[in-house]
Amino acid sequence: MKNRVAILMVISIILIMALSACGVVKDVAAVNDLGKGLMTALRDGDTAGSWDMLTTAVQDEVGSTDAWADFVYPRNFSNWNFTNTQVENNSAQMDGEATLGEETYTVLLVFDKVDDEWKISGINFALK
């Protein structure tokens, strides 16, 4: 009887860990898709699409879609490569590089999970 209880406990722990890992994998995939989606929207000048990817706090800080368009216009990176994605609880970060003409920039994107949906809560482009 004690062996059965121990076996059931071990199986339960393994199942819980497996389900947690599935959730993390799903979140990493969602963050990666959103980050690449933002970069594609910037490249293509899709201000409306990229605006919808932002948290309301970032939208409030930017002020308007017109101000966002002013931010997007000069940042039409021709290519990018993310080398690191980290997800912890309801926050995530992607790091990489992007090219604009002859210049290379480091890219840092920060994400927050809002109502079970990932949104961009921080953006930093720095000339390398």
N, C-alpha and C. Protein backbone atom coordinates (compact mmCIF):
# COMPACT_ATOMS: atom_id res chain seq x y z
N MET A 1 0.82 -1.20 0.00
CA MET A 1 0.00 0.00 0.00
C MET A 1 0.87 1.26 0.00
N LYS A 2 1.90 1.27 0.85
CA LYS A 2 2.79 2.43 0.91
C LYS A 2 3.50 2.63 -0.43
N ASN A 3 3.84 1.54 -1.10
CA ASN A 3 4.51 1.64 -2.40
C ASN A 3 3.59 2.29 -3.44
N ARG A 4 2.33 1.92 -3.39
CA ARG A 4 1.36 2.50 -4.34
C ARG A 4 1.22 4.00 -4.13
N VAL A 5 1.15 4.42 -2.89
CA VAL A 5 1.03 5.84 -2.58
C VAL A 5 2.28 6.58 -3.06
N ALA A 6 3.44 6.00 -2.81
CA ALA A 6 4.69 6.62 -3.23
C ALA A 6 4.76 6.71 -4.76
N ILE A 7 4.36 5.66 -5.44
CA ILE A 7 4.36 5.66 -6.90
C ILE A 7 3.39 6.70 -7.43
N LEU A 8 2.21 6.79 -6.85
CA LEU A 8 1.24 7.80 -7.27
C LEU A 8 1.77 9.22 -7.04
N MET A 9 2.47 9.43 -5.94
CA MET A 9 3.05 10.74 -5.66
C MET A 9 4.11 11.10 -6.70
N VAL A 10 4.96 10.15 -7.03
CA VAL A 10 6.01 10.39 -8.02
C VAL A 10 5.39 10.68 -9.38
N ILE A 11 4.40 9.91 -9.77
CA ILE A 11 3.72 10.13 -11.05
C ILE A 11 3.05 11.49 -11.07
N SER A 12 2.43 11.87 -9.97
CA SER A 12 1.77 13.18 -9.89
C SER A 12 2.78 14.31 -10.04
N ILE A 13 3.91 14.19 -9.38
CA ILE A 13 4.94 15.22 -9.48
C ILE A 13 5.46 15.32 -10.90
N ILE A 14 5.70 14.19 -11.54
CA ILE A 14 6.18 14.18 -12.93
C ILE A 14 5.16 14.83 -13.86
N LEU A 15 3.89 14.52 -13.68
CA LEU A 15 2.84 15.11 -14.51
C LEU A 15 2.75 16.62 -14.32
N ILE A 16 2.86 17.07 -13.09
CA ILE A 16 2.81 18.52 -12.81
C ILE A 16 3.99 19.21 -13.45
N MET A 17 5.17 18.62 -13.36
CA MET A 17 6.36 19.22 -13.97
C MET A 17 6.23 19.24 -15.49
N ALA A 18 5.69 18.19 -16.06
CA ALA A 18 5.52 18.13 -17.52
C ALA A 18 4.53 19.19 -17.99
N LEU A 19 3.44 19.36 -17.27
CA LEU A 19 2.45 20.38 -17.64
C LEU A 19 3.03 21.78 -17.51
N SER A 20 3.83 22.02 -16.47
CA SER A 20 4.47 23.32 -16.32
C SER A 20 5.43 23.59 -17.46
N ALA A 21 6.19 22.58 -17.85
CA ALA A 21 7.14 22.74 -18.96
C ALA A 21 6.39 23.05 -20.26
N CYS A 22 5.25 22.43 -20.47
CA CYS A 22 4.46 22.70 -21.67
C CYS A 22 4.01 24.16 -21.69
N GLY A 23 3.62 24.68 -20.54
CA GLY A 23 3.21 26.08 -20.45
C GLY A 23 4.35 27.03 -20.75
N VAL A 24 5.54 26.72 -20.26
CA VAL A 24 6.70 27.56 -20.52
C VAL A 24 7.05 27.54 -22.00
N VAL A 25 7.03 26.36 -22.61
CA VAL A 25 7.33 26.25 -24.03
C VAL A 25 6.32 27.06 -24.85
N LYS A 26 5.07 26.99 -24.46
CA LYS A 26 4.03 27.76 -25.16
C LYS A 26 4.28 29.26 -25.01
N ASP A 27 4.65 29.70 -23.81
CA ASP A 27 4.93 31.12 -23.59
C ASP A 27 6.15 31.59 -24.38
N VAL A 28 7.21 30.78 -24.41
CA VAL A 28 8.41 31.15 -25.17
C VAL A 28 8.05 31.29 -26.65
N ALA A 29 7.26 30.37 -27.17
CA ALA A 29 6.85 30.44 -28.58
C ALA A 29 6.01 31.69 -28.83
N ALA A 30 5.11 32.02 -27.93
CA ALA A 30 4.26 33.20 -28.10
C ALA A 30 5.10 34.48 -28.05
N VAL A 31 6.06 34.56 -27.14
CA VAL A 31 6.93 35.72 -27.03
C VAL A 31 7.78 35.85 -28.30
N ASN A 32 8.36 34.74 -28.75
CA ASN A 32 9.15 34.78 -29.99
C ASN A 32 8.32 35.27 -31.17
N ASP A 33 7.12 34.77 -31.29
CA ASP A 33 6.24 35.19 -32.39
C ASP A 33 5.92 36.68 -32.31
N LEU A 34 5.65 37.16 -31.10
CA LEU A 34 5.32 38.57 -30.92
C LEU A 34 6.53 39.46 -31.23
N GLY A 35 7.70 39.06 -30.75
CA GLY A 35 8.90 39.85 -31.03
C GLY A 35 9.21 39.92 -32.51
N LYS A 36 9.13 38.80 -33.18
CA LYS A 36 9.36 38.79 -34.63
C LYS A 36 8.26 39.55 -35.36
N GLY A 37 7.04 39.45 -34.84
CA GLY A 37 5.93 40.20 -35.43
C GLY A 37 6.14 41.70 -35.32
N LEU A 38 6.65 42.15 -34.17
CA LEU A 38 6.92 43.58 -34.02
C LEU A 38 7.98 44.03 -35.02
N MET A 39 9.06 43.28 -35.12
CA MET A 39 10.13 43.67 -36.04
C MET A 39 9.64 43.69 -37.49
N THR A 40 8.81 42.73 -37.85
CA THR A 40 8.24 42.70 -39.20
C THR A 40 7.33 43.91 -39.42
N ALA A 41 6.53 44.25 -38.42
CA ALA A 41 5.65 45.41 -38.53
C ALA A 41 6.47 46.70 -38.65
N LEU A 42 7.56 46.81 -37.91
CA LEU A 42 8.42 47.99 -38.03
C LEU A 42 9.02 48.06 -39.43
N ARG A 43 9.52 46.94 -39.92
CA ARG A 43 10.12 46.91 -41.26
C ARG A 43 9.10 47.35 -42.31
N ASP A 44 7.87 46.88 -42.17
CA ASP A 44 6.83 47.13 -43.17
C ASP A 44 6.07 48.44 -42.94
N GLY A 45 6.40 49.16 -41.85
CA GLY A 45 5.70 50.41 -41.55
C GLY A 45 4.27 50.20 -41.09
N ASP A 46 3.97 49.06 -40.52
CA ASP A 46 2.62 48.73 -40.05
C ASP A 46 2.41 49.31 -38.66
N THR A 47 2.08 50.58 -38.61
CA THR A 47 1.93 51.24 -37.32
C THR A 47 0.69 50.74 -36.56
N ALA A 48 -0.39 50.49 -37.26
CA ALA A 48 -1.61 50.02 -36.58
C ALA A 48 -1.39 48.63 -35.98
N GLY A 49 -0.79 47.75 -36.75
CA GLY A 49 -0.54 46.40 -36.25
C GLY A 49 0.42 46.39 -35.08
N SER A 50 1.48 47.17 -35.17
CA SER A 50 2.46 47.19 -34.08
C SER A 50 1.91 47.91 -32.85
N TRP A 51 1.06 48.91 -33.05
CA TRP A 51 0.43 49.61 -31.93
C TRP A 51 -0.37 48.63 -31.07
N ASP A 52 -1.06 47.71 -31.71
CA ASP A 52 -1.88 46.74 -30.99
C ASP A 52 -1.04 45.72 -30.21
N MET A 53 0.25 45.64 -30.48
CA MET A 53 1.15 44.72 -29.78
C MET A 53 1.64 45.28 -28.45
N LEU A 54 1.40 46.57 -28.22
CA LEU A 54 1.92 47.26 -27.04
C LEU A 54 0.96 47.17 -25.86
N THR A 55 1.53 47.21 -24.65
CA THR A 55 0.68 47.31 -23.46
C THR A 55 0.03 48.68 -23.45
N THR A 56 -1.05 48.81 -22.73
CA THR A 56 -1.72 50.12 -22.63
C THR A 56 -0.80 51.14 -21.95
N ALA A 57 0.07 50.68 -21.05
CA ALA A 57 1.00 51.60 -20.39
C ALA A 57 1.96 52.21 -21.41
N VAL A 58 2.46 51.42 -22.34
CA VAL A 58 3.35 51.95 -23.37
C VAL A 58 2.57 52.86 -24.30
N GLN A 59 1.36 52.46 -24.66
CA GLN A 59 0.53 53.31 -25.52
C GLN A 59 0.29 54.66 -24.86
N ASP A 60 0.00 54.65 -23.55
CA ASP A 60 -0.22 55.90 -22.82
C ASP A 60 1.05 56.76 -22.80
N GLU A 61 2.20 56.11 -22.64
CA GLU A 61 3.47 56.84 -22.63
C GLU A 61 3.77 57.47 -23.99
N VAL A 62 3.49 56.73 -25.07
CA VAL A 62 3.71 57.24 -26.42
C VAL A 62 2.73 58.36 -26.72
N GLY A 63 1.49 58.20 -26.32
CA GLY A 63 0.51 59.26 -26.44
C GLY A 63 -0.53 59.08 -27.52
N SER A 64 -0.12 58.67 -28.72
CA SER A 64 -1.09 58.53 -29.80
C SER A 64 -0.50 57.65 -30.90
N THR A 65 -1.37 57.22 -31.79
CA THR A 65 -0.89 56.42 -32.92
C THR A 65 -0.04 57.27 -33.85
N ASP A 66 -0.30 58.57 -33.91
CA ASP A 66 0.53 59.46 -34.73
C ASP A 66 1.96 59.53 -34.16
N ALA A 67 2.06 59.65 -32.85
CA ALA A 67 3.38 59.67 -32.21
C ALA A 67 4.08 58.33 -32.41
N TRP A 68 3.32 57.25 -32.36
CA TRP A 68 3.88 55.92 -32.59
C TRP A 68 4.39 55.82 -34.04
N ALA A 69 3.65 56.35 -34.98
CA ALA A 69 4.09 56.33 -36.38
C ALA A 69 5.42 57.08 -36.53
N ASP A 70 5.58 58.17 -35.79
CA ASP A 70 6.85 58.91 -35.82
C ASP A 70 8.00 58.05 -35.28
N PHE A 71 7.71 57.21 -34.28
CA PHE A 71 8.71 56.30 -33.73
C PHE A 71 9.03 55.19 -34.72
N VAL A 72 8.02 54.64 -35.35
CA VAL A 72 8.18 53.49 -36.25
C VAL A 72 8.91 53.87 -37.53
N TYR A 73 8.58 55.01 -38.10
CA TYR A 73 9.07 55.38 -39.43
C TYR A 73 10.58 55.19 -39.64
N PRO A 74 11.44 55.70 -38.76
CA PRO A 74 12.88 55.55 -39.01
C PRO A 74 13.45 54.19 -38.55
N ARG A 75 12.62 53.31 -38.07
CA ARG A 75 13.11 52.04 -37.53
C ARG A 75 12.65 50.84 -38.37
N ASN A 76 12.78 50.98 -39.66
CA ASN A 76 12.40 49.89 -40.57
C ASN A 76 13.61 48.99 -40.84
N PHE A 77 14.01 48.28 -39.80
CA PHE A 77 15.17 47.40 -39.85
C PHE A 77 15.02 46.38 -40.97
N SER A 78 16.09 46.20 -41.73
CA SER A 78 16.03 45.27 -42.87
C SER A 78 16.11 43.82 -42.42
N ASN A 79 16.85 43.55 -41.36
CA ASN A 79 16.89 42.19 -40.82
C ASN A 79 17.24 42.24 -39.34
N TRP A 80 16.99 41.14 -38.68
CA TRP A 80 17.21 41.06 -37.23
C TRP A 80 17.44 39.60 -36.87
N ASN A 81 18.06 39.44 -35.71
CA ASN A 81 18.34 38.10 -35.20
C ASN A 81 18.27 38.16 -33.68
N PHE A 82 17.38 37.40 -33.11
CA PHE A 82 17.28 37.32 -31.66
C PHE A 82 18.08 36.12 -31.18
N THR A 83 18.92 36.34 -30.18
CA THR A 83 19.80 35.28 -29.69
C THR A 83 19.42 34.79 -28.30
N ASN A 84 18.47 35.45 -27.67
CA ASN A 84 18.11 35.07 -26.31
C ASN A 84 16.65 35.41 -26.05
N THR A 85 15.94 34.45 -25.52
CA THR A 85 14.56 34.67 -25.07
C THR A 85 14.43 34.08 -23.67
N GLN A 86 13.97 34.90 -22.74
CA GLN A 86 13.77 34.45 -21.36
C GLN A 86 12.33 34.72 -20.95
N VAL A 87 11.72 33.73 -20.33
CA VAL A 87 10.36 33.88 -19.82
C VAL A 87 10.36 33.46 -18.37
N GLU A 88 9.82 34.33 -17.52
CA GLU A 88 9.68 34.00 -16.11
C GLU A 88 8.36 34.55 -15.61
N ASN A 89 7.48 33.64 -15.25
CA ASN A 89 6.14 34.00 -14.80
C ASN A 89 5.42 34.80 -15.89
N ASN A 90 5.07 36.04 -15.60
CA ASN A 90 4.32 36.86 -16.56
C ASN A 90 5.17 37.95 -17.21
N SER A 91 6.48 37.74 -17.21
CA SER A 91 7.41 38.68 -17.83
C SER A 91 8.35 37.92 -18.75
N ALA A 92 8.81 38.61 -19.79
CA ALA A 92 9.74 37.97 -20.72
C ALA A 92 10.63 39.03 -21.34
N GLN A 93 11.71 38.56 -21.96
CA GLN A 93 12.66 39.46 -22.61
C GLN A 93 13.29 38.74 -23.80
N MET A 94 13.50 39.50 -24.87
CA MET A 94 14.23 39.01 -26.04
C MET A 94 15.39 39.97 -26.30
N ASP A 95 16.56 39.40 -26.62
CA ASP A 95 17.74 40.18 -26.93
C ASP A 95 18.26 39.77 -28.29
N GLY A 96 18.80 40.73 -29.02
CA GLY A 96 19.39 40.40 -30.30
C GLY A 96 19.97 41.62 -30.98
N GLU A 97 20.06 41.54 -32.31
CA GLU A 97 20.60 42.62 -33.11
C GLU A 97 19.71 42.85 -34.32
N ALA A 98 19.77 44.07 -34.83
CA ALA A 98 19.03 44.43 -36.04
C ALA A 98 19.90 45.35 -36.89
N THR A 99 19.66 45.28 -38.20
CA THR A 99 20.44 46.09 -39.14
C THR A 99 19.53 47.10 -39.82
N LEU A 100 20.06 48.32 -39.90
CA LEU A 100 19.38 49.41 -40.59
C LEU A 100 20.43 50.09 -41.45
N GLY A 101 20.36 49.85 -42.75
CA GLY A 101 21.40 50.35 -43.64
C GLY A 101 22.72 49.68 -43.31
N GLU A 102 23.74 50.48 -43.03
CA GLU A 102 25.06 49.97 -42.68
C GLU A 102 25.25 49.82 -41.17
N GLU A 103 24.25 50.23 -40.40
CA GLU A 103 24.40 50.26 -38.95
C GLU A 103 23.75 49.06 -38.29
N THR A 104 24.39 48.60 -37.22
CA THR A 104 23.86 47.49 -36.43
C THR A 104 23.44 48.01 -35.06
N TYR A 105 22.29 47.58 -34.63
CA TYR A 105 21.73 47.99 -33.34
C TYR A 105 21.54 46.77 -32.45
N THR A 106 21.73 46.96 -31.15
CA THR A 106 21.30 45.93 -30.21
C THR A 106 19.81 46.17 -29.98
N VAL A 107 19.11 45.08 -29.79
CA VAL A 107 17.66 45.14 -29.61
C VAL A 107 17.31 44.46 -28.28
N LEU A 108 16.50 45.12 -27.50
CA LEU A 108 15.97 44.56 -26.27
C LEU A 108 14.46 44.79 -26.28
N LEU A 109 13.72 43.72 -26.24
CA LEU A 109 12.25 43.79 -26.14
C LEU A 109 11.84 43.18 -24.82
N VAL A 110 10.94 43.85 -24.12
CA VAL A 110 10.41 43.37 -22.84
C VAL A 110 8.92 43.12 -23.02
N PHE A 111 8.43 42.06 -22.42
CA PHE A 111 7.04 41.65 -22.59
C PHE A 111 6.39 41.43 -21.23
N ASP A 112 5.10 41.70 -21.17
CA ASP A 112 4.28 41.38 -20.00
C ASP A 112 3.08 40.59 -20.48
N LYS A 113 2.67 39.64 -19.66
CA LYS A 113 1.46 38.89 -19.97
C LYS A 113 0.29 39.62 -19.34
N VAL A 114 -0.62 40.08 -20.18
CA VAL A 114 -1.77 40.87 -19.74
C VAL A 114 -3.03 40.11 -20.14
N ASP A 115 -3.82 39.74 -19.14
CA ASP A 115 -5.06 38.99 -19.40
C ASP A 115 -4.79 37.78 -20.31
N ASP A 116 -3.74 37.03 -20.00
CA ASP A 116 -3.37 35.80 -20.69
C ASP A 116 -2.89 36.02 -22.13
N GLU A 117 -2.50 37.27 -22.45
CA GLU A 117 -1.97 37.59 -23.76
C GLU A 117 -0.67 38.37 -23.59
N TRP A 118 0.36 37.99 -24.34
CA TRP A 118 1.64 38.69 -24.27
C TRP A 118 1.57 40.01 -25.02
N LYS A 119 2.11 41.06 -24.40
CA LYS A 119 2.17 42.40 -24.99
C LYS A 119 3.58 42.96 -24.76
N ILE A 120 3.98 43.87 -25.60
CA ILE A 120 5.29 44.49 -25.49
C ILE A 120 5.21 45.65 -24.50
N SER A 121 6.07 45.58 -23.46
CA SER A 121 6.04 46.60 -22.41
C SER A 121 7.32 47.44 -22.39
N GLY A 122 8.27 47.11 -23.25
CA GLY A 122 9.50 47.88 -23.31
C GLY A 122 10.25 47.60 -24.59
N ILE A 123 10.86 48.65 -25.15
CA ILE A 123 11.62 48.54 -26.40
C ILE A 123 12.88 49.37 -26.24
N ASN A 124 14.02 48.79 -26.58
CA ASN A 124 15.25 49.55 -26.58
C ASN A 124 16.09 49.16 -27.79
N PHE A 125 16.39 50.14 -28.62
CA PHE A 125 17.30 49.97 -29.74
C PHE A 125 18.51 50.86 -29.47
N ALA A 126 19.71 50.29 -29.50
CA ALA A 126 20.91 51.07 -29.26
C ALA A 126 21.93 50.78 -30.36
N LEU A 127 22.50 51.86 -30.89
CA LEU A 127 23.52 51.71 -31.91
C LEU A 127 24.70 50.97 -31.32
N LYS A 128 25.16 49.98 -32.02
CA LYS A 128 26.24 49.14 -31.52
C LYS A 128 27.58 49.79 -31.72
